Amino acid sequence: MTTILFNKPFGVLSQFTDRGTEGSPRPTLSAFVDVKGVYPAGRLDRDSEGLLVLTDDGRLQARIASPKFKAPKRYLVQVEGTPEEAQLAALRAGVTLRDGPTRPAGARAIAPPALWPRDPPVRYRKSVPDAWLEIELTEGRNRQVRRMCAHVGLPCLRLVRWSVGDWTLDGIAPGTWRRA
């Protein structure tokens, strides 16, 4: 069994080929991972960064990606605005999105983490404060963290998945990977 922990940079697709219809090809996993037979266990949006687990083990892929297994995924999220306790409480209780209620999430305000610079940088506005949250989910709907944050009035500026289960990004630079 092969399992790889990859730090997916901003702007990279969570697939090995670009099946999009845009004019020029977008960066994919194939530009970074040269191991044959592994596939992403779950996805990260193109505009999200962080830990992506790749494996050739179908059972492991299912345990990570399927909500029925409740694999915890932790995110570091830069949001626009200053979070209030009521907003964090709403995230912790679960919110109702267009596709239904979410499970309760771990959510807390944190100090700005020591992360690599994002390319391109997050836009900075002197008149609008920003803050960092740590959010832990046990499901993984499409753009769920972004939608949950927007739902409580905290638009997401930067999203970094830091961990999946016991695996973390510790020691893995953007665009690099290591075997689990």
N, C-alpha and C. Protein backbone atom coordinates (compact mmCIF):
# COMPACT_ATOMS: atom_id res chain seq x y z
N MET A 1 0.85 -1.18 0.00
CA MET A 1 0.00 0.00 0.00
C MET A 1 0.90 1.25 0.00
N THR A 2 0.54 2.21 -0.83
CA THR A 2 1.26 3.47 -0.90
C THR A 2 0.33 4.59 -0.45
N THR A 3 0.81 5.40 0.50
CA THR A 3 0.06 6.57 0.96
C THR A 3 1.02 7.74 0.99
N ILE A 4 0.59 8.84 0.38
CA ILE A 4 1.41 10.04 0.24
C ILE A 4 0.67 11.21 0.87
N LEU A 5 1.42 12.04 1.59
CA LEU A 5 0.89 13.28 2.15
C LEU A 5 1.47 14.42 1.33
N PHE A 6 0.61 15.16 0.66
CA PHE A 6 1.02 16.22 -0.27
C PHE A 6 0.50 17.56 0.24
N ASN A 7 1.34 18.58 0.21
CA ASN A 7 0.93 19.94 0.55
C ASN A 7 0.56 20.64 -0.75
N LYS A 8 -0.74 20.63 -1.06
CA LYS A 8 -1.24 21.18 -2.32
C LYS A 8 -1.19 22.71 -2.29
N PRO A 9 -0.47 23.31 -3.24
CA PRO A 9 -0.44 24.77 -3.31
C PRO A 9 -1.76 25.35 -3.83
N PHE A 10 -1.96 26.62 -3.56
CA PHE A 10 -3.09 27.38 -4.10
C PHE A 10 -3.05 27.29 -5.63
N GLY A 11 -4.20 27.11 -6.26
CA GLY A 11 -4.29 27.12 -7.72
C GLY A 11 -4.07 25.78 -8.40
N VAL A 12 -3.74 24.74 -7.63
CA VAL A 12 -3.51 23.41 -8.21
C VAL A 12 -4.78 22.58 -8.08
N LEU A 13 -5.14 21.89 -9.17
CA LEU A 13 -6.31 21.01 -9.15
C LEU A 13 -5.99 19.73 -8.39
N SER A 14 -6.97 19.17 -7.68
CA SER A 14 -6.80 17.93 -6.92
C SER A 14 -7.04 16.71 -7.83
N GLN A 15 -6.42 16.72 -8.98
CA GLN A 15 -6.52 15.61 -9.94
C GLN A 15 -5.25 15.62 -10.79
N PHE A 16 -5.04 14.53 -11.50
CA PHE A 16 -3.79 14.40 -12.27
C PHE A 16 -3.87 14.96 -13.67
N THR A 17 -5.08 15.19 -14.18
CA THR A 17 -5.23 15.80 -15.51
C THR A 17 -6.25 16.91 -15.42
N ASP A 18 -6.15 17.87 -16.34
CA ASP A 18 -7.09 18.99 -16.38
C ASP A 18 -8.14 18.69 -17.42
N ARG A 19 -9.35 18.43 -16.95
CA ARG A 19 -10.45 18.14 -17.86
C ARG A 19 -11.31 19.38 -18.10
N GLY A 20 -10.82 20.53 -17.67
CA GLY A 20 -11.58 21.78 -17.80
C GLY A 20 -11.64 22.25 -19.23
N THR A 21 -12.48 23.23 -19.44
CA THR A 21 -12.66 23.77 -20.79
C THR A 21 -11.99 25.13 -20.95
N GLU A 22 -11.24 25.55 -19.92
CA GLU A 22 -10.57 26.85 -20.01
C GLU A 22 -9.49 26.81 -21.08
N GLY A 23 -9.08 27.98 -21.54
CA GLY A 23 -8.10 28.09 -22.62
C GLY A 23 -6.78 27.39 -22.35
N SER A 24 -6.10 27.71 -21.27
CA SER A 24 -4.79 27.10 -21.02
C SER A 24 -4.93 26.08 -19.89
N PRO A 25 -4.12 25.04 -19.94
CA PRO A 25 -4.21 24.02 -18.90
C PRO A 25 -3.85 24.59 -17.53
N ARG A 26 -4.54 24.10 -16.52
CA ARG A 26 -4.29 24.53 -15.14
C ARG A 26 -3.35 23.52 -14.48
N PRO A 27 -2.58 23.94 -13.48
CA PRO A 27 -1.67 23.01 -12.81
C PRO A 27 -2.44 21.88 -12.12
N THR A 28 -1.90 20.68 -12.21
CA THR A 28 -2.52 19.50 -11.61
C THR A 28 -1.50 18.77 -10.74
N LEU A 29 -1.94 17.72 -10.10
CA LEU A 29 -1.07 16.92 -9.25
C LEU A 29 0.12 16.34 -10.01
N SER A 30 -0.06 16.09 -11.30
CA SER A 30 1.01 15.45 -12.08
C SER A 30 2.27 16.32 -12.15
N ALA A 31 2.15 17.62 -11.91
CA ALA A 31 3.33 18.49 -11.90
C ALA A 31 4.14 18.34 -10.62
N PHE A 32 3.59 17.66 -9.61
CA PHE A 32 4.23 17.57 -8.31
C PHE A 32 4.47 16.14 -7.82
N VAL A 33 3.58 15.22 -8.19
CA VAL A 33 3.64 13.85 -7.68
C VAL A 33 3.88 12.90 -8.84
N ASP A 34 5.02 12.19 -8.79
CA ASP A 34 5.39 11.29 -9.89
C ASP A 34 5.23 9.82 -9.50
N VAL A 35 4.37 9.53 -8.54
CA VAL A 35 4.13 8.16 -8.10
C VAL A 35 2.91 7.62 -8.85
N LYS A 36 3.06 6.49 -9.50
CA LYS A 36 1.97 5.92 -10.29
C LYS A 36 0.99 5.17 -9.40
N GLY A 37 -0.29 5.20 -9.77
CA GLY A 37 -1.31 4.39 -9.12
C GLY A 37 -1.93 4.97 -7.87
N VAL A 38 -1.55 6.20 -7.48
CA VAL A 38 -2.18 6.81 -6.32
C VAL A 38 -3.20 7.85 -6.77
N TYR A 39 -4.23 8.00 -5.96
CA TYR A 39 -5.30 8.94 -6.27
C TYR A 39 -5.70 9.68 -5.00
N PRO A 40 -6.24 10.90 -5.14
CA PRO A 40 -6.62 11.67 -3.95
C PRO A 40 -7.75 10.99 -3.18
N ALA A 41 -7.61 10.98 -1.87
CA ALA A 41 -8.67 10.52 -0.98
C ALA A 41 -9.39 11.77 -0.50
N GLY A 42 -10.42 12.16 -1.20
CA GLY A 42 -11.08 13.44 -0.96
C GLY A 42 -10.48 14.48 -1.88
N ARG A 43 -10.97 15.70 -1.74
CA ARG A 43 -10.53 16.76 -2.64
C ARG A 43 -10.27 18.03 -1.86
N LEU A 44 -9.52 18.90 -2.47
CA LEU A 44 -9.37 20.28 -2.00
C LEU A 44 -9.63 21.16 -3.21
N ASP A 45 -10.42 22.18 -3.04
CA ASP A 45 -10.71 23.09 -4.15
C ASP A 45 -9.43 23.73 -4.67
N ARG A 46 -9.48 24.18 -5.89
CA ARG A 46 -8.32 24.82 -6.52
C ARG A 46 -7.84 26.02 -5.70
N ASP A 47 -8.77 26.75 -5.08
CA ASP A 47 -8.38 27.93 -4.32
C ASP A 47 -8.14 27.64 -2.84
N SER A 48 -8.01 26.36 -2.49
CA SER A 48 -7.64 25.96 -1.13
C SER A 48 -6.26 25.34 -1.17
N GLU A 49 -5.61 25.34 -0.02
CA GLU A 49 -4.25 24.82 0.09
C GLU A 49 -4.22 23.72 1.15
N GLY A 50 -3.12 23.00 1.19
CA GLY A 50 -2.89 22.13 2.33
C GLY A 50 -2.89 20.66 2.04
N LEU A 51 -3.14 19.89 3.11
CA LEU A 51 -2.94 18.45 3.09
C LEU A 51 -3.93 17.73 2.18
N LEU A 52 -3.36 17.00 1.26
CA LEU A 52 -4.12 16.12 0.39
C LEU A 52 -3.48 14.75 0.51
N VAL A 53 -4.28 13.76 0.91
CA VAL A 53 -3.79 12.39 1.05
C VAL A 53 -4.03 11.68 -0.27
N LEU A 54 -2.97 11.05 -0.80
CA LEU A 54 -3.08 10.26 -2.02
C LEU A 54 -2.73 8.82 -1.66
N THR A 55 -3.48 7.87 -2.20
CA THR A 55 -3.24 6.47 -1.87
C THR A 55 -3.68 5.57 -3.01
N ASP A 56 -3.16 4.34 -2.98
CA ASP A 56 -3.62 3.33 -3.93
C ASP A 56 -4.56 2.33 -3.23
N ASP A 57 -4.92 2.61 -1.99
CA ASP A 57 -5.77 1.73 -1.18
C ASP A 57 -7.20 2.27 -1.21
N GLY A 58 -8.08 1.56 -1.91
CA GLY A 58 -9.47 1.98 -2.05
C GLY A 58 -10.20 2.07 -0.73
N ARG A 59 -9.91 1.16 0.20
CA ARG A 59 -10.58 1.21 1.51
C ARG A 59 -10.17 2.46 2.29
N LEU A 60 -8.89 2.79 2.22
CA LEU A 60 -8.42 4.00 2.90
C LEU A 60 -9.05 5.24 2.26
N GLN A 61 -9.14 5.26 0.94
CA GLN A 61 -9.78 6.39 0.26
C GLN A 61 -11.21 6.56 0.78
N ALA A 62 -11.95 5.46 0.89
CA ALA A 62 -13.33 5.52 1.36
C ALA A 62 -13.40 6.01 2.81
N ARG A 63 -12.50 5.52 3.67
CA ARG A 63 -12.53 5.94 5.08
C ARG A 63 -12.26 7.43 5.22
N ILE A 64 -11.45 7.99 4.35
CA ILE A 64 -11.13 9.43 4.42
C ILE A 64 -12.24 10.26 3.78
N ALA A 65 -12.72 9.85 2.63
CA ALA A 65 -13.63 10.67 1.84
C ALA A 65 -15.10 10.53 2.24
N SER A 66 -15.53 9.37 2.70
CA SER A 66 -16.94 9.16 2.99
C SER A 66 -17.34 9.76 4.33
N PRO A 67 -18.42 10.55 4.36
CA PRO A 67 -18.86 11.14 5.62
C PRO A 67 -19.28 10.10 6.66
N LYS A 68 -19.64 8.90 6.22
CA LYS A 68 -20.10 7.91 7.20
C LYS A 68 -19.00 7.46 8.16
N PHE A 69 -17.74 7.64 7.77
CA PHE A 69 -16.63 7.25 8.65
C PHE A 69 -16.19 8.38 9.59
N LYS A 70 -16.70 9.60 9.35
CA LYS A 70 -16.45 10.75 10.22
C LYS A 70 -14.96 11.02 10.47
N ALA A 71 -14.14 10.89 9.43
CA ALA A 71 -12.71 11.19 9.57
C ALA A 71 -12.53 12.68 9.84
N PRO A 72 -11.88 13.05 10.95
CA PRO A 72 -11.73 14.48 11.25
C PRO A 72 -10.73 15.15 10.31
N LYS A 73 -11.09 16.34 9.85
CA LYS A 73 -10.23 17.16 8.99
C LYS A 73 -10.18 18.54 9.63
N ARG A 74 -8.94 19.03 9.87
CA ARG A 74 -8.75 20.32 10.54
C ARG A 74 -8.25 21.35 9.53
N TYR A 75 -8.87 22.53 9.58
CA TYR A 75 -8.56 23.62 8.65
C TYR A 75 -8.14 24.87 9.42
N LEU A 76 -7.19 25.60 8.85
CA LEU A 76 -6.82 26.93 9.32
C LEU A 76 -7.44 27.89 8.32
N VAL A 77 -8.27 28.80 8.80
CA VAL A 77 -9.09 29.61 7.92
C VAL A 77 -8.92 31.09 8.25
N GLN A 78 -8.47 31.86 7.27
CA GLN A 78 -8.41 33.31 7.43
C GLN A 78 -9.73 33.87 6.94
N VAL A 79 -10.41 34.62 7.80
CA VAL A 79 -11.72 35.16 7.46
C VAL A 79 -11.70 36.68 7.49
N GLU A 80 -12.62 37.25 6.76
CA GLU A 80 -12.81 38.69 6.77
C GLU A 80 -13.71 39.03 7.94
N GLY A 81 -13.29 39.99 8.75
CA GLY A 81 -14.09 40.38 9.91
C GLY A 81 -13.48 39.85 11.19
N THR A 82 -14.11 40.22 12.30
CA THR A 82 -13.68 39.78 13.62
C THR A 82 -14.75 38.84 14.15
N PRO A 83 -14.42 37.57 14.36
CA PRO A 83 -15.45 36.62 14.79
C PRO A 83 -15.98 36.94 16.18
N GLU A 84 -17.27 36.85 16.30
CA GLU A 84 -17.94 37.01 17.59
C GLU A 84 -18.28 35.63 18.11
N GLU A 85 -18.47 35.52 19.41
CA GLU A 85 -18.76 34.23 20.02
C GLU A 85 -20.02 33.60 19.41
N ALA A 86 -21.03 34.40 19.08
CA ALA A 86 -22.26 33.86 18.49
C ALA A 86 -21.99 33.19 17.14
N GLN A 87 -21.07 33.77 16.37
CA GLN A 87 -20.72 33.17 15.07
C GLN A 87 -20.00 31.85 15.27
N LEU A 88 -19.06 31.81 16.21
CA LEU A 88 -18.34 30.57 16.49
C LEU A 88 -19.28 29.52 17.05
N ALA A 89 -20.21 29.94 17.91
CA ALA A 89 -21.19 29.00 18.48
C ALA A 89 -22.06 28.40 17.38
N ALA A 90 -22.42 29.21 16.40
CA ALA A 90 -23.23 28.70 15.28
C ALA A 90 -22.46 27.64 14.50
N LEU A 91 -21.18 27.88 14.26
CA LEU A 91 -20.36 26.88 13.57
C LEU A 91 -20.26 25.60 14.39
N ARG A 92 -20.08 25.75 15.71
CA ARG A 92 -19.95 24.58 16.59
C ARG A 92 -21.25 23.78 16.65
N ALA A 93 -22.39 24.45 16.53
CA ALA A 93 -23.68 23.77 16.58
C ALA A 93 -24.03 23.12 15.24
N GLY A 94 -23.44 23.63 14.16
CA GLY A 94 -23.83 23.20 12.81
C GLY A 94 -24.79 24.22 12.24
N VAL A 95 -24.66 24.49 10.97
CA VAL A 95 -25.53 25.46 10.30
C VAL A 95 -26.29 24.76 9.19
N THR A 96 -27.35 25.39 8.74
CA THR A 96 -28.13 24.81 7.64
C THR A 96 -27.77 25.52 6.35
N LEU A 97 -27.18 24.76 5.43
CA LEU A 97 -26.81 25.26 4.12
C LEU A 97 -27.87 24.84 3.11
N ARG A 98 -27.72 25.24 1.88
CA ARG A 98 -28.72 24.88 0.85
C ARG A 98 -28.88 23.37 0.70
N ASP A 99 -27.79 22.62 0.95
CA ASP A 99 -27.87 21.16 0.82
C ASP A 99 -28.14 20.48 2.16
N GLY A 100 -28.64 21.24 3.13
CA GLY A 100 -29.06 20.67 4.40
C GLY A 100 -28.16 21.05 5.56
N PRO A 101 -28.53 20.58 6.76
CA PRO A 101 -27.75 20.92 7.95
C PRO A 101 -26.38 20.23 7.95
N THR A 102 -25.40 20.94 8.48
CA THR A 102 -24.07 20.36 8.63
C THR A 102 -23.97 19.72 10.01
N ARG A 103 -23.01 18.84 10.14
CA ARG A 103 -22.72 18.31 11.47
C ARG A 103 -22.08 19.42 12.30
N PRO A 104 -22.18 19.32 13.62
CA PRO A 104 -21.44 20.28 14.44
C PRO A 104 -19.95 20.24 14.09
N ALA A 105 -19.31 21.40 14.20
CA ALA A 105 -17.89 21.51 13.85
C ALA A 105 -17.13 22.04 15.05
N GLY A 106 -15.88 21.67 15.15
CA GLY A 106 -15.01 22.34 16.10
C GLY A 106 -14.67 23.69 15.50
N ALA A 107 -14.80 24.76 16.26
CA ALA A 107 -14.50 26.10 15.73
C ALA A 107 -14.00 26.98 16.86
N ARG A 108 -12.84 27.59 16.63
CA ARG A 108 -12.30 28.53 17.62
C ARG A 108 -11.42 29.55 16.92
N ALA A 109 -11.35 30.72 17.50
CA ALA A 109 -10.45 31.76 17.00
C ALA A 109 -9.03 31.40 17.44
N ILE A 110 -8.05 31.64 16.56
CA ILE A 110 -6.66 31.35 16.87
C ILE A 110 -5.79 32.55 16.47
N ALA A 111 -4.58 32.56 16.99
CA ALA A 111 -3.60 33.57 16.56
C ALA A 111 -3.20 33.27 15.12
N PRO A 112 -2.78 34.26 14.36
CA PRO A 112 -2.34 33.97 12.99
C PRO A 112 -1.25 32.90 12.99
N PRO A 113 -1.46 31.81 12.24
CA PRO A 113 -0.47 30.73 12.22
C PRO A 113 0.76 31.09 11.40
N ALA A 114 1.86 30.42 11.68
CA ALA A 114 3.11 30.62 10.94
C ALA A 114 3.04 29.76 9.68
N LEU A 115 2.47 30.31 8.63
CA LEU A 115 2.33 29.61 7.36
C LEU A 115 3.23 30.25 6.30
N TRP A 116 3.44 29.53 5.23
CA TRP A 116 4.15 30.03 4.07
C TRP A 116 3.33 31.15 3.42
N PRO A 117 3.98 32.07 2.71
CA PRO A 117 3.21 33.10 1.98
C PRO A 117 2.40 32.45 0.87
N ARG A 118 1.21 32.97 0.65
CA ARG A 118 0.40 32.44 -0.44
C ARG A 118 0.73 33.19 -1.72
N ASP A 119 0.73 32.48 -2.84
CA ASP A 119 0.97 33.07 -4.15
C ASP A 119 -0.24 32.78 -5.04
N PRO A 120 -1.03 33.80 -5.38
CA PRO A 120 -0.89 35.21 -5.06
C PRO A 120 -1.30 35.49 -3.62
N PRO A 121 -0.81 36.61 -3.07
CA PRO A 121 -1.15 36.94 -1.69
C PRO A 121 -2.64 37.23 -1.53
N VAL A 122 -3.13 37.04 -0.31
CA VAL A 122 -4.50 37.41 0.02
C VAL A 122 -4.57 38.93 -0.02
N ARG A 123 -5.63 39.46 -0.60
CA ARG A 123 -5.75 40.92 -0.68
C ARG A 123 -5.83 41.51 0.71
N TYR A 124 -5.18 42.62 0.90
CA TYR A 124 -5.16 43.30 2.19
C TYR A 124 -5.94 44.59 2.08
N ARG A 125 -6.83 44.82 3.05
CA ARG A 125 -7.60 46.07 3.08
C ARG A 125 -7.47 46.66 4.48
N LYS A 126 -6.94 47.87 4.56
CA LYS A 126 -6.73 48.51 5.86
C LYS A 126 -8.03 48.69 6.63
N SER A 127 -9.12 48.92 5.93
CA SER A 127 -10.38 49.24 6.60
C SER A 127 -11.18 48.01 7.02
N VAL A 128 -10.77 46.81 6.61
CA VAL A 128 -11.51 45.60 6.95
C VAL A 128 -10.60 44.65 7.73
N PRO A 129 -10.93 44.37 8.99
CA PRO A 129 -10.08 43.47 9.76
C PRO A 129 -10.22 42.03 9.27
N ASP A 130 -9.22 41.23 9.59
CA ASP A 130 -9.34 39.80 9.31
C ASP A 130 -8.88 39.05 10.56
N ALA A 131 -9.21 37.77 10.59
CA ALA A 131 -8.88 36.93 11.75
C ALA A 131 -8.68 35.50 11.26
N TRP A 132 -8.14 34.67 12.14
CA TRP A 132 -7.92 33.26 11.82
C TRP A 132 -8.78 32.37 12.72
N LEU A 133 -9.31 31.32 12.12
CA LEU A 133 -10.09 30.32 12.84
C LEU A 133 -9.46 28.95 12.62
N GLU A 134 -9.67 28.05 13.56
CA GLU A 134 -9.38 26.64 13.36
C GLU A 134 -10.73 25.94 13.34
N ILE A 135 -11.00 25.22 12.28
CA ILE A 135 -12.29 24.53 12.12
C ILE A 135 -12.01 23.06 11.87
N GLU A 136 -12.71 22.19 12.60
CA GLU A 136 -12.58 20.74 12.39
C GLU A 136 -13.93 20.18 11.99
N LEU A 137 -13.92 19.48 10.87
CA LEU A 137 -15.13 18.85 10.33
C LEU A 137 -15.00 17.34 10.34
N THR A 138 -16.14 16.66 10.36
CA THR A 138 -16.15 15.21 10.19
C THR A 138 -16.96 14.82 8.96
N GLU A 139 -17.17 15.76 8.09
CA GLU A 139 -17.78 15.52 6.79
C GLU A 139 -17.05 16.41 5.81
N GLY A 140 -17.28 16.26 4.54
CA GLY A 140 -16.53 17.05 3.58
C GLY A 140 -17.35 17.38 2.36
N ARG A 141 -18.35 18.20 2.54
CA ARG A 141 -19.16 18.62 1.39
C ARG A 141 -18.39 19.60 0.52
N ASN A 142 -18.88 19.79 -0.67
CA ASN A 142 -18.27 20.72 -1.61
C ASN A 142 -18.20 22.13 -1.00
N ARG A 143 -16.98 22.65 -0.88
CA ARG A 143 -16.72 24.00 -0.39
C ARG A 143 -17.38 24.26 0.97
N GLN A 144 -17.46 23.24 1.80
CA GLN A 144 -18.21 23.32 3.05
C GLN A 144 -17.68 24.38 4.01
N VAL A 145 -16.38 24.41 4.25
CA VAL A 145 -15.84 25.39 5.20
C VAL A 145 -16.14 26.80 4.71
N ARG A 146 -15.92 27.06 3.44
CA ARG A 146 -16.18 28.39 2.89
C ARG A 146 -17.67 28.76 3.04
N ARG A 147 -18.54 27.80 2.74
CA ARG A 147 -19.97 28.08 2.82
C ARG A 147 -20.43 28.29 4.26
N MET A 148 -19.88 27.50 5.19
CA MET A 148 -20.24 27.66 6.60
C MET A 148 -19.79 29.03 7.12
N CYS A 149 -18.57 29.41 6.80
CA CYS A 149 -18.06 30.71 7.26
C CYS A 149 -18.89 31.85 6.68
N ALA A 150 -19.19 31.79 5.38
CA ALA A 150 -20.01 32.83 4.76
C ALA A 150 -21.40 32.88 5.40
N HIS A 151 -21.95 31.72 5.73
CA HIS A 151 -23.28 31.63 6.33
C HIS A 151 -23.35 32.41 7.65
N VAL A 152 -22.26 32.41 8.42
CA VAL A 152 -22.27 33.12 9.70
C VAL A 152 -21.68 34.54 9.58
N GLY A 153 -21.43 34.99 8.34
CA GLY A 153 -20.98 36.36 8.12
C GLY A 153 -19.48 36.57 8.20
N LEU A 154 -18.72 35.50 7.96
CA LEU A 154 -17.26 35.59 7.99
C LEU A 154 -16.69 35.04 6.67
N PRO A 155 -16.69 35.83 5.61
CA PRO A 155 -16.20 35.33 4.32
C PRO A 155 -14.75 34.84 4.43
N CYS A 156 -14.48 33.74 3.77
CA CYS A 156 -13.17 33.09 3.81
C CYS A 156 -12.21 33.76 2.83
N LEU A 157 -11.03 34.13 3.34
CA LEU A 157 -9.99 34.72 2.51
C LEU A 157 -8.92 33.69 2.13
N ARG A 158 -8.61 32.80 3.06
CA ARG A 158 -7.59 31.77 2.82
C ARG A 158 -7.99 30.53 3.60
N LEU A 159 -7.83 29.37 2.97
CA LEU A 159 -8.21 28.11 3.59
C LEU A 159 -7.08 27.10 3.41
N VAL A 160 -6.59 26.59 4.54
CA VAL A 160 -5.50 25.63 4.53
C VAL A 160 -5.94 24.40 5.33
N ARG A 161 -6.02 23.24 4.66
CA ARG A 161 -6.31 22.01 5.42
C ARG A 161 -5.01 21.59 6.08
N TRP A 162 -5.01 21.54 7.41
CA TRP A 162 -3.81 21.23 8.17
C TRP A 162 -3.68 19.74 8.47
N SER A 163 -4.82 19.07 8.69
CA SER A 163 -4.71 17.65 9.04
C SER A 163 -5.90 16.86 8.55
N VAL A 164 -5.64 15.56 8.37
CA VAL A 164 -6.67 14.56 8.06
C VAL A 164 -6.38 13.41 9.03
N GLY A 165 -7.32 13.16 9.95
CA GLY A 165 -7.05 12.16 10.97
C GLY A 165 -5.80 12.54 11.74
N ASP A 166 -4.87 11.61 11.88
CA ASP A 166 -3.62 11.87 12.60
C ASP A 166 -2.53 12.45 11.71
N TRP A 167 -2.74 12.52 10.41
CA TRP A 167 -1.74 13.06 9.50
C TRP A 167 -1.81 14.58 9.48
N THR A 168 -0.65 15.24 9.48
CA THR A 168 -0.61 16.70 9.43
C THR A 168 0.38 17.17 8.37
N LEU A 169 0.39 18.46 8.15
CA LEU A 169 1.32 19.09 7.22
C LEU A 169 2.69 19.35 7.83
N ASP A 170 2.87 19.05 9.10
CA ASP A 170 4.15 19.31 9.75
C ASP A 170 5.32 18.85 8.89
N GLY A 171 6.22 19.77 8.56
CA GLY A 171 7.43 19.44 7.82
C GLY A 171 7.26 19.25 6.33
N ILE A 172 6.08 19.53 5.79
CA ILE A 172 5.86 19.36 4.34
C ILE A 172 5.65 20.74 3.71
N ALA A 173 6.60 21.18 2.93
CA ALA A 173 6.52 22.49 2.28
C ALA A 173 5.50 22.46 1.14
N PRO A 174 4.93 23.60 0.77
CA PRO A 174 3.99 23.65 -0.35
C PRO A 174 4.62 23.05 -1.61
N GLY A 175 3.84 22.22 -2.30
CA GLY A 175 4.29 21.60 -3.54
C GLY A 175 5.18 20.38 -3.33
N THR A 176 5.37 19.94 -2.08
CA THR A 176 6.18 18.76 -1.81
C THR A 176 5.33 17.70 -1.10
N TRP A 177 5.86 16.50 -1.05
CA TRP A 177 5.12 15.40 -0.42
C TRP A 177 6.11 14.46 0.26
N ARG A 178 5.54 13.61 1.11
CA ARG A 178 6.30 12.54 1.73
C ARG A 178 5.38 11.34 1.90
N ARG A 179 6.01 10.18 2.05
CA ARG A 179 5.22 8.98 2.29
C ARG A 179 4.74 8.97 3.73
N ALA A 180 3.52 8.48 3.92
CA ALA A 180 2.94 8.41 5.28
C ALA A 180 3.52 7.23 6.03
